[in-house]
Amino acid sequence: MSIHDQYDAVFKALASSVRRQILDDLKDQPLTTGALCAHFPELDRCTVMQHLKVLEEAGLVIAERRGRERWNHLNAMPIQDIHDRWIGPHAASASARLARFKQTIEAQ
């Protein structure tokens, strides 16, 4: 899988509010699939599992089997990669433009 395909998978995974909520739920601690399903009473287990599959394919969730339980762990590195590639540089560029604009306005 190319780096562009990996980025596409991460953006696709983050496009869903349910998947973003799952990632938020996993932020502080790993959770079982059953616990995640309990956080979404409006969804059936199969739907939650489909969302988890998309997150796994994007590398955002790592599943660990412990006996009959499946523990889901957040892997934040793909999000960090997106930040490093786009958000950080674009934010720095925008801040620099605003600083130059401010200096121009103040100089007038």
C-alpha atoms as a PDB file:
ATOM      1  CA  MET A   1       0.000   0.000   0.000  1.00  0.00           C
ATOM      2  CA  SER A   2       1.421   3.374  -1.000  1.00  0.00           C
ATOM      3  CA  ILE A   3       1.642   6.267   1.441  1.00  0.00           C
ATOM      4  CA  HIS A   4      -1.152   7.985  -0.497  1.00  0.00           C
ATOM      5  CA  ASP A   5      -3.369   4.919  -0.085  1.00  0.00           C
ATOM      6  CA  GLN A   6      -2.614   4.947   3.649  1.00  0.00           C
ATOM      7  CA  TYR A   7      -3.551   8.628   3.925  1.00  0.00           C
ATOM      8  CA  ASP A   8      -6.753   7.947   1.966  1.00  0.00           C
ATOM      9  CA  ALA A   9      -7.659   5.118   4.365  1.00  0.00           C
ATOM     10  CA  VAL A  10      -7.108   7.376   7.393  1.00  0.00           C
ATOM     11  CA  PHE A  11      -9.174  10.215   5.918  1.00  0.00           C
ATOM     12  CA  LYS A  12     -11.938   7.749   4.994  1.00  0.00           C
ATOM     13  CA  ALA A  13     -11.928   6.381   8.541  1.00  0.00           C
ATOM     14  CA  LEU A  14     -12.061   9.859  10.062  1.00  0.00           C
ATOM     15  CA  ALA A  15     -14.936  10.905   7.777  1.00  0.00           C
ATOM     16  CA  SER A  16     -17.497   9.103   9.954  1.00  0.00           C
ATOM     17  CA  SER A  17     -18.705  10.648  13.217  1.00  0.00           C
ATOM     18  CA  VAL A  18     -19.254   7.160  14.661  1.00  0.00           C
ATOM     19  CA  ARG A  19     -15.647   6.183  13.930  1.00  0.00           C
ATOM     20  CA  ARG A  20     -14.365   9.451  15.405  1.00  0.00           C
ATOM     21  CA  GLN A  21     -16.414   8.739  18.543  1.00  0.00           C
ATOM     22  CA  ILE A  22     -14.919   5.237  18.735  1.00  0.00           C
ATOM     23  CA  LEU A  23     -11.441   6.769  18.580  1.00  0.00           C
ATOM     24  CA  ASP A  24     -12.414   9.250  21.297  1.00  0.00           C
ATOM     25  CA  ASP A  25     -13.674   6.353  23.426  1.00  0.00           C
ATOM     26  CA  LEU A  26     -10.349   4.543  22.972  1.00  0.00           C
ATOM     27  CA  LYS A  27      -8.257   7.632  23.723  1.00  0.00           C
ATOM     28  CA  ASP A  28      -7.788   6.919  27.431  1.00  0.00           C
ATOM     29  CA  GLN A  29      -7.855   3.124  27.502  1.00  0.00           C
ATOM     30  CA  PRO A  30      -8.412   0.047  25.353  1.00  0.00           C
ATOM     31  CA  LEU A  31     -11.972  -1.264  25.358  1.00  0.00           C
ATOM     32  CA  THR A  32     -13.608  -4.529  24.433  1.00  0.00           C
ATOM     33  CA  THR A  33     -15.853  -4.659  21.417  1.00  0.00           C
ATOM     34  CA  GLY A  34     -18.773  -5.290  23.762  1.00  0.00           C
ATOM     35  CA  ALA A  35     -17.995  -2.125  25.714  1.00  0.00           C
ATOM     36  CA  LEU A  36     -17.816  -0.125  22.487  1.00  0.00           C
ATOM     37  CA  CYS A  37     -21.145  -1.566  21.357  1.00  0.00           C
ATOM     38  CA  ALA A  38     -22.669  -0.413  24.655  1.00  0.00           C
ATOM     39  CA  HIS A  39     -21.563   3.161  23.809  1.00  0.00           C
ATOM     40  CA  PHE A  40     -23.725   3.012  20.665  1.00  0.00           C
ATOM     41  CA  PRO A  41     -27.118   1.610  21.688  1.00  0.00           C
ATOM     42  CA  GLU A  42     -28.629   2.901  18.438  1.00  0.00           C
ATOM     43  CA  LEU A  43     -26.314   0.632  16.396  1.00  0.00           C
ATOM     44  CA  ASP A  44     -26.273  -3.152  16.210  1.00  0.00           C
ATOM     45  CA  ARG A  45     -23.094  -5.105  16.926  1.00  0.00           C
ATOM     46  CA  CYS A  46     -22.467  -5.850  13.230  1.00  0.00           C
ATOM     47  CA  THR A  47     -22.483  -2.143  12.394  1.00  0.00           C
ATOM     48  CA  VAL A  48     -20.002  -1.345  15.172  1.00  0.00           C
ATOM     49  CA  MET A  49     -17.803  -4.207  13.938  1.00  0.00           C
ATOM     50  CA  GLN A  50     -17.884  -2.764  10.403  1.00  0.00           C
ATOM     51  CA  HIS A  51     -16.735   0.599  11.747  1.00  0.00           C
ATOM     52  CA  LEU A  52     -13.955  -1.116  13.696  1.00  0.00           C
ATOM     53  CA  LYS A  53     -12.857  -2.908  10.525  1.00  0.00           C
ATOM     54  CA  VAL A  54     -12.490   0.408   8.682  1.00  0.00           C
ATOM     55  CA  LEU A  55     -10.479   1.792  11.612  1.00  0.00           C
ATOM     56  CA  GLU A  56      -8.265  -1.300  11.645  1.00  0.00           C
ATOM     57  CA  GLU A  57      -7.665  -1.110   7.892  1.00  0.00           C
ATOM     58  CA  ALA A  58      -6.554   2.492   8.360  1.00  0.00           C
ATOM     59  CA  GLY A  59      -4.196   1.420  11.150  1.00  0.00           C
ATOM     60  CA  LEU A  60      -6.042   3.533  13.722  1.00  0.00           C
ATOM     61  CA  VAL A  61      -7.177   0.593  15.851  1.00  0.00           C
ATOM     62  CA  ILE A  62      -5.204  -2.484  16.818  1.00  0.00           C
ATOM     63  CA  ALA A  63      -7.288  -5.439  17.967  1.00  0.00           C
ATOM     64  CA  GLU A  64      -5.986  -7.922  20.510  1.00  0.00           C
ATOM     65  CA  ARG A  65      -7.706 -11.221  21.258  1.00  0.00           C
ATOM     66  CA  ARG A  66      -7.746 -12.257  24.920  1.00  0.00           C
ATOM     67  CA  GLY A  67      -9.666 -15.465  25.199  1.00  0.00           C
ATOM     68  CA  ARG A  68     -13.182 -14.739  23.986  1.00  0.00           C
ATOM     69  CA  GLU A  69     -12.742 -10.989  24.217  1.00  0.00           C
ATOM     70  CA  ARG A  70     -11.447  -8.646  21.574  1.00  0.00           C
ATOM     71  CA  TRP A  71      -9.676  -5.610  23.020  1.00  0.00           C
ATOM     72  CA  ASN A  72      -9.389  -2.550  20.804  1.00  0.00           C
ATOM     73  CA  HIS A  73      -6.412  -0.226  21.216  1.00  0.00           C
ATOM     74  CA  LEU A  74      -6.010   3.241  19.715  1.00  0.00           C
ATOM     75  CA  ASN A  75      -3.013   3.707  17.437  1.00  0.00           C
ATOM     76  CA  ALA A  76      -2.673   7.487  17.112  1.00  0.00           C
ATOM     77  CA  MET A  77       0.404   7.384  14.856  1.00  0.00           C
ATOM     78  CA  PRO A  78      -1.566   7.659  11.571  1.00  0.00           C
ATOM     79  CA  ILE A  79      -3.241  10.804  12.930  1.00  0.00           C
ATOM     80  CA  GLN A  80       0.174  12.171  13.930  1.00  0.00           C
ATOM     81  CA  ASP A  81       1.425  11.442  10.406  1.00  0.00           C
ATOM     82  CA  ILE A  82      -1.508  13.412   8.938  1.00  0.00           C
ATOM     83  CA  HIS A  83      -0.754  16.271  11.319  1.00  0.00           C
ATOM     84  CA  ASP A  84       2.941  16.277  10.442  1.00  0.00           C
ATOM     85  CA  ARG A  85       2.248  16.140   6.705  1.00  0.00           C
ATOM     86  CA  TRP A  86      -0.612  18.655   6.380  1.00  0.00           C
ATOM     87  CA  ILE A  87      -1.912  20.342   9.481  1.00  0.00           C
ATOM     88  CA  GLY A  88       1.380  21.489  10.996  1.00  0.00           C
ATOM     89  CA  PRO A  89       2.871  22.938   7.790  1.00  0.00           C
ATOM     90  CA  HIS A  90      -0.404  24.566   6.700  1.00  0.00           C
ATOM     91  CA  ALA A  91      -0.972  26.063  10.149  1.00  0.00           C
ATOM     92  CA  ALA A  92       2.584  27.421  10.214  1.00  0.00           C
ATOM     93  CA  SER A  93       2.152  28.925   6.744  1.00  0.00           C
ATOM     94  CA  ALA A  94      -1.169  30.528   7.680  1.00  0.00           C
ATOM     95  CA  SER A  95       0.288  31.933  10.908  1.00  0.00           C
ATOM     96  CA  ALA A  96       3.228  33.425   9.029  1.00  0.00           C
ATOM     97  CA  ARG A  97       0.886  35.084   6.503  1.00  0.00           C
ATOM     98  CA  LEU A  98      -1.244  36.514   9.320  1.00  0.00           C
ATOM     99  CA  ALA A  99       1.846  37.826  11.093  1.00  0.00           C
ATOM    100  CA  ARG A 100       3.018  39.547   7.888  1.00  0.00           C
ATOM    101  CA  PHE A 101      -0.468  40.979   7.369  1.00  0.00           C
ATOM    102  CA  LYS A 102      -0.512  42.307  10.938  1.00  0.00           C
ATOM    103  CA  GLN A 103       2.902  43.928  10.476  1.00  0.00           C
ATOM    104  CA  THR A 104       1.748  45.547   7.229  1.00  0.00           C
ATOM    105  CA  ILE A 105      -1.416  46.930   8.851  1.00  0.00           C
ATOM    106  CA  GLU A 106       0.454  48.212  11.902  1.00  0.00           C
ATOM    107  CA  ALA A 107       3.088  49.857   9.706  1.00  0.00           C
ATOM    108  CA  GLN A 108       0.422  51.910   7.865  1.00  0.00           C
END
